[in-house]
Structures are given as C-alpha cells and as structure tokens.
Amino acid sequence: MKQLFLIIAILSLHGCNRPEGEMIMEVADKETFEELLSIPISEQPPPPPSITSGTEQISKKTIKTGGINFQSQDIVEDYQTIRELLPRYDAYIEHENQSRTKERISYQLTIRVPSTVYDSLFVTFSTIGHRLGNKYSSIKDVTENYYDLSTRIKNDKLLEKRYLKILESATEIKDILEIENKLNQIRTDIENLQGQFNYLGKQVSLSTISLSFYEELPYVYDASQRGGFLAKIFSAINNGWQGFLNFVIGLIAFWPFLILLIVLGYFIKKFRSQKN
C-alpha cells in the first residue's frame, strides 16, 4: 500500500505545474529516495496518460517474403537481366552464391526490395527463365510487435528522464550511485529494444525475394572416369595425342635456338668446303 502511494506521489509531481525547485525539494527527501530505488525497473509506473497519449496513427506493418526457382537456358543472360532490373525498383542483392558442377551451373540470390514495389518485382522475376520450378510468397503481420516495441522504447526514455531529474536533486553518494545504477539498467534496456525495433523496421520496409536458378550443362565424355579395356585404349590415344601436341608446342617455343643452330650449321659447312 505504501509502495502504491509512493508511485502516485511521483506521478503527481511529474505532471503538476508547480515551480521546478519546489518539486525537487519534495523528491529529494531521503526516505523517498530509498523507497523509489527499491522498486525494480520492471515495476516502475508507466508515464502519465497526458504524456504517452498522442495522435499517432497506427498503420498495418507486414513483412513480405517470397522465392522463385527456375531453370535457365542461358544462365549468363538471365543473371544479367536480373541485375539490370534491380535499379528500376531500388532493389539490391544482399547475398549471392554461385556454384558449378559437371552437370549444372547454379545461382542463389537474396534480393531486398522496398515493400511498396515487392509485388511488381516478384511478378517480373516470375517471367524470367526457361522453366519455372517453384514459386512462393508470404505476408506476416507484425503490427502488434512493432508498436509494442515503439511504446516500450518511449516509456523507457521517459523513465530515464525521470531518473535524471531525481539525480539532479540527490545529495548523498549512496543515492547517487543507486540512481546511476538504475540509469545504466534502463539505458541497456533501451539499446536492446532499439536494436530489435530497427531490425523489425528494416524487415517491414524492405521485403525479401530469394532467387534460385540453374542451367543444365551438355554431357561431356570423360574416359578417365570409366574402366575397361576400350576406355584405357581411348585414354592412351588421347594421352599420346596430347603429348605430341605438347612436343610441337615445345619446338615452336624454342624457335630462336633452332634458327641459331641452322645459321651455325651453315657457316660450319661453308668453312669446311673452303678448306677442302
């Protein structure tokens, strides 16, 4: 009961229009300090209705996500088409991954786009490619969570101001240290809530589209991966041919030395003929 009375007294002091000096003197009472600091932050009274009430209009907040998977006939061309589309919608690639095997080339793209043009870009992406494999789109309503975080941040900031006013009137070291400890806790809560709110706001303002597309590569015979007598013969023929080509290339690489040998041979032969 005493604690409830204390909370009401604090709210009254915060809302009245009396001179600031008079309010500070009343709050600065030692007993008031001790009982106020004994109340956990989670149980602190919310700001008065006159402070928190406003004309803020609540609008629906949603997170849009979608994905498309398709097969491409020319993956380089389709990739370039996607890159050229992005600036038209103020979109960008947040994550990109390319992989290649003997059978196919694949791309995985994570694209962020303003939620206002998400539907238009999603439909445009659906028309790209040779064969559509899979397509999905979802909307998640986060209105309640969005405004709950916003309200909690505002209330904690008002609570921070309240403790700062009390700190100005504190005279004893013990009270000052306890108030600063409370302020540190409040500011930590504000930082955590603000981080969650910023992340949620980004998810709301920027929708996500995941693109996955691939191109099947033509089959190439690889004799080295096969066993058997014929496979070994073909492999030996191929190795012999490659060896011959390397030999020819080596001779071509040494052409200055060949010319030098020919010139030396010519002069040596000429010298011997004159001697005879």
Protein backbone atom coordinates (compact mmCIF):
# COMPACT_ATOMS: atom_id res chain seq x y z
CA MET A 1 0.00 0.00 0.00
CA LYS A 2 2.87 2.27 0.90
CA GLN A 3 4.52 1.49 -2.45
CA LEU A 4 1.35 2.35 -4.35
CA PHE A 5 1.13 5.65 -2.52
CA LEU A 6 4.72 6.39 -3.48
CA ILE A 7 4.05 5.72 -7.17
CA ILE A 8 1.00 8.02 -7.18
CA ALA A 9 3.04 10.75 -5.47
CA ILE A 10 5.78 10.51 -8.13
CA LEU A 11 3.27 10.73 -10.97
CA SER A 12 1.63 13.75 -9.39
CA LEU A 13 4.97 15.51 -9.00
CA HIS A 14 5.84 14.77 -12.64
CA GLY A 15 2.55 16.11 -14.00
CA CYS A 16 1.93 19.20 -11.92
CA ASN A 17 2.85 22.74 -12.99
CA ARG A 18 4.48 23.93 -9.77
CA PRO A 19 7.97 25.52 -9.86
CA GLU A 20 10.81 23.08 -10.55
CA GLY A 21 12.69 23.96 -7.38
CA GLU A 22 9.71 23.11 -5.20
CA MET A 23 9.29 19.69 -6.87
CA ILE A 24 12.99 18.84 -6.47
CA MET A 25 12.88 19.64 -2.77
CA GLU A 26 9.97 17.26 -2.28
CA VAL A 27 11.51 14.42 -4.24
CA ALA A 28 14.88 14.84 -2.62
CA ASP A 29 13.62 13.51 0.68
CA LYS A 30 15.90 10.66 1.84
CA GLU A 31 13.05 8.26 2.60
CA THR A 32 11.51 8.89 -0.84
CA PHE A 33 14.85 8.07 -2.49
CA GLU A 34 15.25 4.81 -0.66
CA GLU A 35 11.73 3.59 -1.39
CA LEU A 36 11.85 4.67 -5.04
CA LEU A 37 15.15 2.88 -5.63
CA SER A 38 13.80 -0.27 -4.00
CA ILE A 39 11.21 -0.64 -6.80
CA PRO A 40 12.50 -2.86 -9.66
CA ILE A 41 12.67 -1.17 -13.06
CA SER A 42 10.18 -3.67 -14.47
CA GLU A 43 7.65 -2.48 -11.87
CA GLN A 44 8.18 1.22 -12.39
CA PRO A 45 4.92 3.05 -13.14
CA PRO A 46 4.23 3.96 -16.77
CA PRO A 47 4.28 7.62 -17.79
CA PRO A 48 1.11 9.61 -17.16
CA PRO A 49 -1.58 9.33 -19.87
CA SER A 50 -1.11 13.00 -20.71
CA ILE A 51 2.48 12.21 -21.78
CA THR A 52 2.04 8.99 -23.73
CA SER A 53 -1.24 9.77 -25.42
CA GLY A 54 -0.92 11.32 -28.84
CA THR A 55 -2.36 11.48 -32.28
CA GLU A 56 -0.07 8.79 -33.75
CA GLN A 57 -1.98 6.87 -36.36
CA ILE A 58 -1.50 3.12 -36.27
CA SER A 59 -0.90 1.58 -39.70
CA LYS A 60 -0.56 -2.08 -40.52
CA LYS A 61 3.01 -3.40 -40.52
CA THR A 62 3.79 -6.53 -42.53
CA ILE A 63 6.87 -8.49 -43.60
CA LYS A 64 6.77 -9.83 -47.17
CA THR A 65 8.95 -12.70 -48.31
CA GLY A 66 8.97 -14.74 -51.50
CA GLY A 67 11.05 -17.16 -53.52
CA ILE A 68 11.34 -18.38 -57.11
CA ASN A 69 13.20 -21.35 -58.54
CA PHE A 70 13.57 -21.80 -62.30
CA GLN A 71 15.66 -23.49 -64.98
CA SER A 72 17.56 -21.32 -67.43
CA GLN A 73 18.68 -21.92 -70.99
CA ASP A 74 21.31 -19.17 -70.83
CA ILE A 75 22.19 -18.51 -67.19
CA VAL A 76 24.58 -15.67 -68.02
CA GLU A 77 21.89 -13.78 -69.92
CA ASP A 78 19.26 -14.36 -67.21
CA TYR A 79 21.66 -13.21 -64.50
CA GLN A 80 22.38 -10.04 -66.45
CA THR A 81 18.65 -9.44 -66.92
CA ILE A 82 18.12 -9.66 -63.16
CA ARG A 83 20.98 -7.23 -62.49
CA GLU A 84 19.51 -4.71 -64.93
CA LEU A 85 16.05 -4.92 -63.31
CA LEU A 86 17.18 -4.11 -59.78
CA PRO A 87 17.89 -0.35 -60.16
CA ARG A 88 14.39 0.20 -61.59
CA TYR A 89 12.88 -0.98 -58.31
CA ASP A 90 15.54 0.44 -55.93
CA ALA A 91 16.42 -3.16 -55.09
CA TYR A 92 19.80 -4.70 -54.38
CA ILE A 93 21.47 -8.10 -53.92
CA GLU A 94 22.10 -8.77 -50.24
CA HIS A 95 23.66 -12.20 -50.73
CA GLU A 96 24.93 -14.05 -53.81
CA ASN A 97 26.27 -17.55 -54.30
CA GLN A 98 27.40 -19.32 -57.48
CA SER A 99 28.22 -23.00 -57.78
CA ARG A 100 29.31 -25.21 -60.69
CA THR A 101 29.43 -28.95 -61.17
CA LYS A 102 29.88 -31.14 -64.23
CA GLU A 103 26.13 -31.26 -64.68
CA ARG A 104 24.98 -27.67 -64.00
CA ILE A 105 25.71 -24.05 -63.08
CA SER A 106 23.61 -22.59 -60.25
CA TYR A 107 22.94 -19.17 -58.73
CA GLN A 108 21.34 -18.33 -55.38
CA LEU A 109 20.46 -14.67 -54.87
CA THR A 110 18.87 -12.92 -51.88
CA ILE A 111 17.32 -9.66 -53.04
CA ARG A 112 15.99 -6.83 -50.87
CA VAL A 113 13.36 -4.56 -52.38
CA PRO A 114 11.11 -1.80 -50.96
CA SER A 115 7.87 -3.39 -49.79
CA THR A 116 5.83 -0.95 -51.89
CA VAL A 117 7.14 -2.49 -55.14
CA TYR A 118 7.64 -6.06 -53.92
CA ASP A 119 4.63 -7.47 -55.80
CA SER A 120 5.62 -5.85 -59.10
CA LEU A 121 9.21 -7.13 -58.98
CA PHE A 122 8.09 -10.58 -57.85
CA VAL A 123 5.79 -10.91 -60.89
CA THR A 124 8.57 -9.69 -63.20
CA PHE A 125 11.01 -12.28 -61.84
CA SER A 126 8.40 -14.98 -62.47
CA THR A 127 8.62 -14.35 -66.22
CA ILE A 128 12.38 -14.93 -66.40
CA GLY A 129 13.80 -18.31 -67.22
CA HIS A 130 13.02 -21.32 -69.37
CA ARG A 131 11.01 -23.48 -66.94
CA LEU A 132 9.51 -22.43 -63.61
CA GLY A 133 10.20 -24.96 -60.86
CA ASN A 134 8.76 -23.43 -57.69
CA LYS A 135 7.29 -20.12 -56.53
CA TYR A 136 6.00 -18.95 -53.14
CA SER A 137 5.10 -15.70 -51.37
CA SER A 138 4.01 -14.95 -47.81
CA ILE A 139 2.97 -11.98 -45.66
CA LYS A 140 3.47 -11.83 -41.88
CA ASP A 141 1.56 -9.27 -39.79
CA VAL A 142 3.87 -7.71 -37.14
CA THR A 143 1.78 -4.65 -36.30
CA GLU A 144 1.33 -5.54 -32.64
CA ASN A 145 5.01 -6.31 -32.09
CA TYR A 146 6.11 -3.18 -33.96
CA TYR A 147 4.04 -0.74 -31.90
CA ASP A 148 4.69 -2.63 -28.68
CA LEU A 149 8.44 -2.11 -29.13
CA SER A 150 7.89 1.53 -30.06
CA THR A 151 5.83 2.16 -26.91
CA ARG A 152 8.28 0.37 -24.63
CA ILE A 153 11.16 2.47 -26.01
CA LYS A 154 9.24 5.71 -25.43
CA ASN A 155 8.28 4.72 -21.89
CA ASP A 156 11.85 3.73 -21.03
CA LYS A 157 13.16 7.04 -22.35
CA LEU A 158 10.62 8.92 -20.21
CA LEU A 159 11.66 6.82 -17.24
CA GLU A 160 15.28 7.71 -17.97
CA LYS A 161 14.41 11.43 -17.90
CA ARG A 162 12.59 10.94 -14.63
CA TYR A 163 15.65 9.38 -13.01
CA LEU A 164 17.87 12.14 -14.42
CA LYS A 165 15.69 14.75 -12.70
CA ILE A 166 15.91 12.82 -9.45
CA LEU A 167 19.68 12.53 -9.87
CA GLU A 168 19.95 16.32 -10.08
CA SER A 169 18.44 16.65 -6.59
CA ALA A 170 20.41 13.79 -4.96
CA THR A 171 22.94 14.87 -2.35
CA GLU A 172 24.23 11.65 -0.78
CA ILE A 173 26.80 9.42 -2.51
CA LYS A 174 24.74 6.31 -1.80
CA ASP A 175 21.68 7.75 -3.53
CA ILE A 176 23.72 8.98 -6.50
CA LEU A 177 25.32 5.57 -7.03
CA GLU A 178 21.99 3.73 -6.82
CA ILE A 179 20.32 6.13 -9.25
CA GLU A 180 23.19 5.79 -11.73
CA ASN A 181 22.90 2.01 -11.48
CA LYS A 182 19.20 2.26 -12.32
CA LEU A 183 20.02 4.56 -15.24
CA ASN A 184 22.52 2.05 -16.61
CA GLN A 185 19.91 -0.69 -16.49
CA ILE A 186 17.33 1.50 -18.24
CA ARG A 187 19.79 2.53 -20.95
CA THR A 188 20.77 -1.09 -21.56
CA ASP A 189 17.09 -1.97 -21.99
CA ILE A 190 16.63 0.94 -24.39
CA GLU A 191 19.59 -0.19 -26.53
CA ASN A 192 18.26 -3.77 -26.71
CA LEU A 193 14.74 -2.65 -27.58
CA GLN A 194 16.03 -0.13 -30.12
CA GLY A 195 18.07 -2.85 -31.84
CA GLN A 196 15.01 -5.10 -32.10
CA PHE A 197 12.90 -2.19 -33.33
CA ASN A 198 15.43 -1.17 -36.01
CA TYR A 199 15.73 -4.75 -37.28
CA LEU A 200 11.95 -5.17 -37.41
CA GLY A 201 11.59 -1.82 -39.16
CA LYS A 202 14.07 -2.89 -41.84
CA GLN A 203 12.18 -6.16 -42.35
CA VAL A 204 8.97 -4.18 -42.80
CA SER A 205 10.35 -1.55 -45.17
CA LEU A 206 12.46 -3.97 -47.24
CA SER A 207 10.92 -7.21 -48.49
CA THR A 208 12.99 -10.28 -49.36
CA ILE A 209 12.96 -12.30 -52.60
CA SER A 210 15.08 -15.46 -52.86
CA LEU A 211 16.02 -16.43 -56.41
CA SER A 212 17.45 -19.84 -57.29
CA PHE A 213 18.12 -20.73 -60.93
CA TYR A 214 20.35 -23.13 -62.82
CA GLU A 215 21.45 -24.22 -66.31
CA GLU A 216 21.98 -27.85 -67.29
CA LEU A 217 25.35 -28.37 -68.97
CA PRO A 218 25.81 -30.65 -72.02
CA TYR A 219 27.22 -34.09 -71.35
CA VAL A 220 30.98 -34.44 -71.89
CA TYR A 221 32.51 -37.90 -72.13
CA ASP A 222 35.31 -38.41 -69.62
CA ALA A 223 37.20 -41.62 -70.31
CA SER A 224 39.35 -41.25 -67.21
CA GLN A 225 36.28 -41.85 -65.05
CA ARG A 226 35.46 -45.14 -66.73
CA GLY A 227 37.17 -48.52 -66.54
CA GLY A 228 37.55 -51.31 -69.10
CA PHE A 229 39.92 -52.22 -71.90
CA LEU A 230 38.42 -49.89 -74.55
CA ALA A 231 38.33 -46.96 -72.14
CA LYS A 232 42.03 -47.45 -71.45
CA ILE A 233 42.80 -47.57 -75.20
CA PHE A 234 40.92 -44.32 -75.80
CA SER A 235 42.68 -42.78 -72.82
CA ALA A 236 46.11 -43.87 -74.16
CA ILE A 237 45.34 -42.46 -77.62
CA ASN A 238 44.23 -39.20 -76.08
CA ASN A 239 47.34 -39.00 -73.90
CA GLY A 240 49.58 -39.74 -76.89
CA TRP A 241 47.93 -37.06 -78.97
CA GLN A 242 48.21 -34.54 -76.15
CA GLY A 243 51.89 -35.47 -75.77
CA PHE A 244 52.53 -34.91 -79.49
CA LEU A 245 50.84 -31.51 -79.34
CA ASN A 246 52.93 -30.55 -76.33
CA PHE A 247 56.08 -31.60 -78.22
CA VAL A 248 55.18 -29.44 -81.22
CA ILE A 249 54.41 -26.51 -78.95
CA GLY A 250 57.75 -27.00 -77.23
CA LEU A 251 59.60 -26.92 -80.56
CA ILE A 252 57.81 -23.73 -81.50
CA ALA A 253 58.76 -22.19 -78.17
CA PHE A 254 62.45 -22.88 -78.92
CA TRP A 255 62.42 -21.38 -82.47
CA PRO A 256 65.20 -18.83 -81.76
CA PHE A 257 67.56 -21.66 -80.82
CA LEU A 258 66.58 -23.61 -83.97
CA ILE A 259 67.42 -20.61 -86.13
CA LEU A 260 70.74 -20.21 -84.33
CA LEU A 261 71.60 -23.89 -84.92
CA ILE A 262 70.75 -23.59 -88.62
CA VAL A 263 72.94 -20.49 -89.02
CA LEU A 264 75.85 -22.17 -87.19
CA GLY A 265 75.49 -25.30 -89.31
CA TYR A 266 75.56 -23.19 -92.49
CA PHE A 267 78.79 -21.42 -91.55
CA ILE A 268 80.47 -24.62 -90.38
CA LYS A 269 79.60 -26.34 -93.66
CA LYS A 270 80.83 -23.33 -95.66
CA PHE A 271 84.08 -23.20 -93.72
CA ARG A 272 84.78 -26.90 -94.37
CA SER A 273 84.07 -26.58 -98.08
CA GLN A 274 86.53 -23.65 -98.41
CA LYS A 275 89.20 -25.59 -96.52
CA ASN A 276 88.86 -28.57 -98.84
